[in-house]
């Protein structure tokens, strides 16, 4: 029964409607997942949808919710930008001084 309801629900027009919904936050204000998609489809159709089906639709639509990487509380973004600029200038200087050389920048974490 779940398969029949879900397949009827997610025809082309309904998939477009789902894609628009996925563009924003989920109903609870969080990120989308299979359960939330299944709940959204169930609310639309008035019939129960298994959470696995919601996940399958996310995969079928190649939906990827990109979340920014966590940043350390004491990170200094301005200092990092200055360091990156300084590194770029040094790389350009070395490339001008040694035009035949392949300049590689290696970094090591202090931990």
Protein backbone atom coordinates (compact mmCIF):
# COMPACT_ATOMS: atom_id res chain seq x y z
CA UNK A 1 0.00 0.00 0.00
CA UNK A 2 2.80 2.47 0.83
CA UNK A 3 4.44 1.93 -2.57
CA UNK A 4 1.22 2.56 -4.48
CA UNK A 5 0.42 5.73 -2.55
CA UNK A 6 3.94 7.08 -2.88
CA UNK A 7 4.22 6.29 -6.58
CA UNK A 8 0.93 8.07 -7.26
CA UNK A 9 2.03 11.00 -5.12
CA UNK A 10 5.36 11.66 -6.70
CA UNK A 11 4.45 12.13 -10.31
CA UNK A 12 6.34 14.83 -12.17
CA UNK A 13 4.21 17.71 -10.90
CA UNK A 14 4.32 16.46 -7.32
CA UNK A 15 8.09 15.98 -7.53
CA UNK A 16 8.41 19.60 -8.62
CA UNK A 17 6.27 20.63 -5.66
CA UNK A 18 8.45 18.52 -3.35
CA UNK A 19 11.61 20.04 -4.84
CA UNK A 20 10.27 23.52 -4.04
CA UNK A 21 9.54 22.44 -0.47
CA UNK A 22 13.05 21.02 -0.14
CA UNK A 23 14.43 24.45 -1.04
CA UNK A 24 13.44 25.73 2.38
CA UNK A 25 13.58 24.37 5.88
CA UNK A 26 11.47 21.45 6.99
CA UNK A 27 8.23 22.13 8.84
CA UNK A 28 9.98 21.92 12.21
CA UNK A 29 12.63 24.42 11.08
CA UNK A 30 15.34 21.78 10.77
CA UNK A 31 17.01 20.01 7.87
CA UNK A 32 15.17 17.60 5.59
CA UNK A 33 15.51 13.84 6.04
CA UNK A 34 13.61 10.76 4.89
CA UNK A 35 11.13 10.84 7.75
CA UNK A 36 10.28 14.50 7.17
CA UNK A 37 9.81 13.94 3.43
CA UNK A 38 7.56 10.95 4.16
CA UNK A 39 5.54 13.07 6.61
CA UNK A 40 5.27 15.84 4.01
CA UNK A 41 3.99 13.39 1.37
CA UNK A 42 1.58 11.82 3.89
CA UNK A 43 0.21 15.24 4.74
CA UNK A 44 -0.21 16.00 1.03
CA UNK A 45 -1.95 12.72 0.20
CA UNK A 46 -3.70 12.04 3.48
CA UNK A 47 -2.27 8.51 3.47
CA UNK A 48 0.59 7.02 5.52
CA UNK A 49 4.03 6.87 3.88
CA UNK A 50 6.91 4.89 5.33
CA UNK A 51 10.01 6.94 6.18
CA UNK A 52 12.11 4.69 3.93
CA UNK A 53 10.07 5.89 0.95
CA UNK A 54 10.89 9.50 1.89
CA UNK A 55 14.58 8.67 1.92
CA UNK A 56 14.25 6.93 -1.45
CA UNK A 57 12.71 10.06 -2.96
CA UNK A 58 15.54 12.18 -1.59
CA UNK A 59 18.05 9.80 -3.21
CA UNK A 60 16.08 9.60 -6.47
CA UNK A 61 16.05 13.40 -6.73
CA UNK A 62 19.80 13.57 -5.93
CA UNK A 63 19.00 15.90 -3.06
CA UNK A 64 22.03 16.88 -0.99
CA UNK A 65 21.70 19.34 1.82
CA UNK A 66 25.04 21.02 2.23
CA UNK A 67 25.81 22.18 5.74
CA UNK A 68 28.74 24.50 6.47
CA UNK A 69 31.59 22.97 8.42
CA UNK A 70 31.74 23.75 12.09
CA UNK A 71 34.16 26.48 13.06
CA UNK A 72 36.12 26.73 16.27
CA UNK A 73 34.85 29.39 18.68
CA UNK A 74 38.29 31.03 18.91
CA UNK A 75 38.95 30.97 15.15
CA UNK A 76 40.11 34.30 13.75
CA UNK A 77 38.80 34.54 10.19
CA UNK A 78 40.53 37.88 9.56
CA UNK A 79 43.90 36.46 10.58
CA UNK A 80 43.29 33.44 8.35
CA UNK A 81 42.47 35.70 5.40
CA UNK A 82 45.62 37.76 6.00
CA UNK A 83 47.70 34.58 6.17
CA UNK A 84 46.17 33.30 2.93
CA UNK A 85 46.91 36.61 1.18
CA UNK A 86 50.49 36.60 2.50
CA UNK A 87 50.93 33.02 1.31
CA UNK A 88 49.60 33.92 -2.16
CA UNK A 89 52.06 36.82 -2.40
CA UNK A 90 54.97 34.61 -1.34
CA UNK A 91 53.97 31.95 -3.87
CA UNK A 92 53.82 34.58 -6.64
CA UNK A 93 57.23 35.93 -5.61
CA UNK A 94 58.78 32.46 -5.70
CA UNK A 95 57.16 31.70 -9.05
CA UNK A 96 58.60 34.92 -10.50
CA UNK A 97 62.04 34.13 -9.04
CA UNK A 98 61.99 30.52 -10.30
CA UNK A 99 59.74 30.52 -13.40
CA UNK A 100 60.67 26.95 -14.39
CA UNK A 101 59.82 25.48 -10.97
CA UNK A 102 56.53 23.95 -9.91
CA UNK A 103 55.62 25.70 -6.68
CA UNK A 104 53.74 23.51 -4.18
CA UNK A 105 52.38 24.71 -0.86
CA UNK A 106 52.34 22.17 1.93
CA UNK A 107 50.73 22.70 5.30
CA UNK A 108 50.80 20.74 8.52
CA UNK A 109 48.39 21.01 11.39
CA UNK A 110 50.06 21.77 14.71
CA UNK A 111 48.24 18.92 16.44
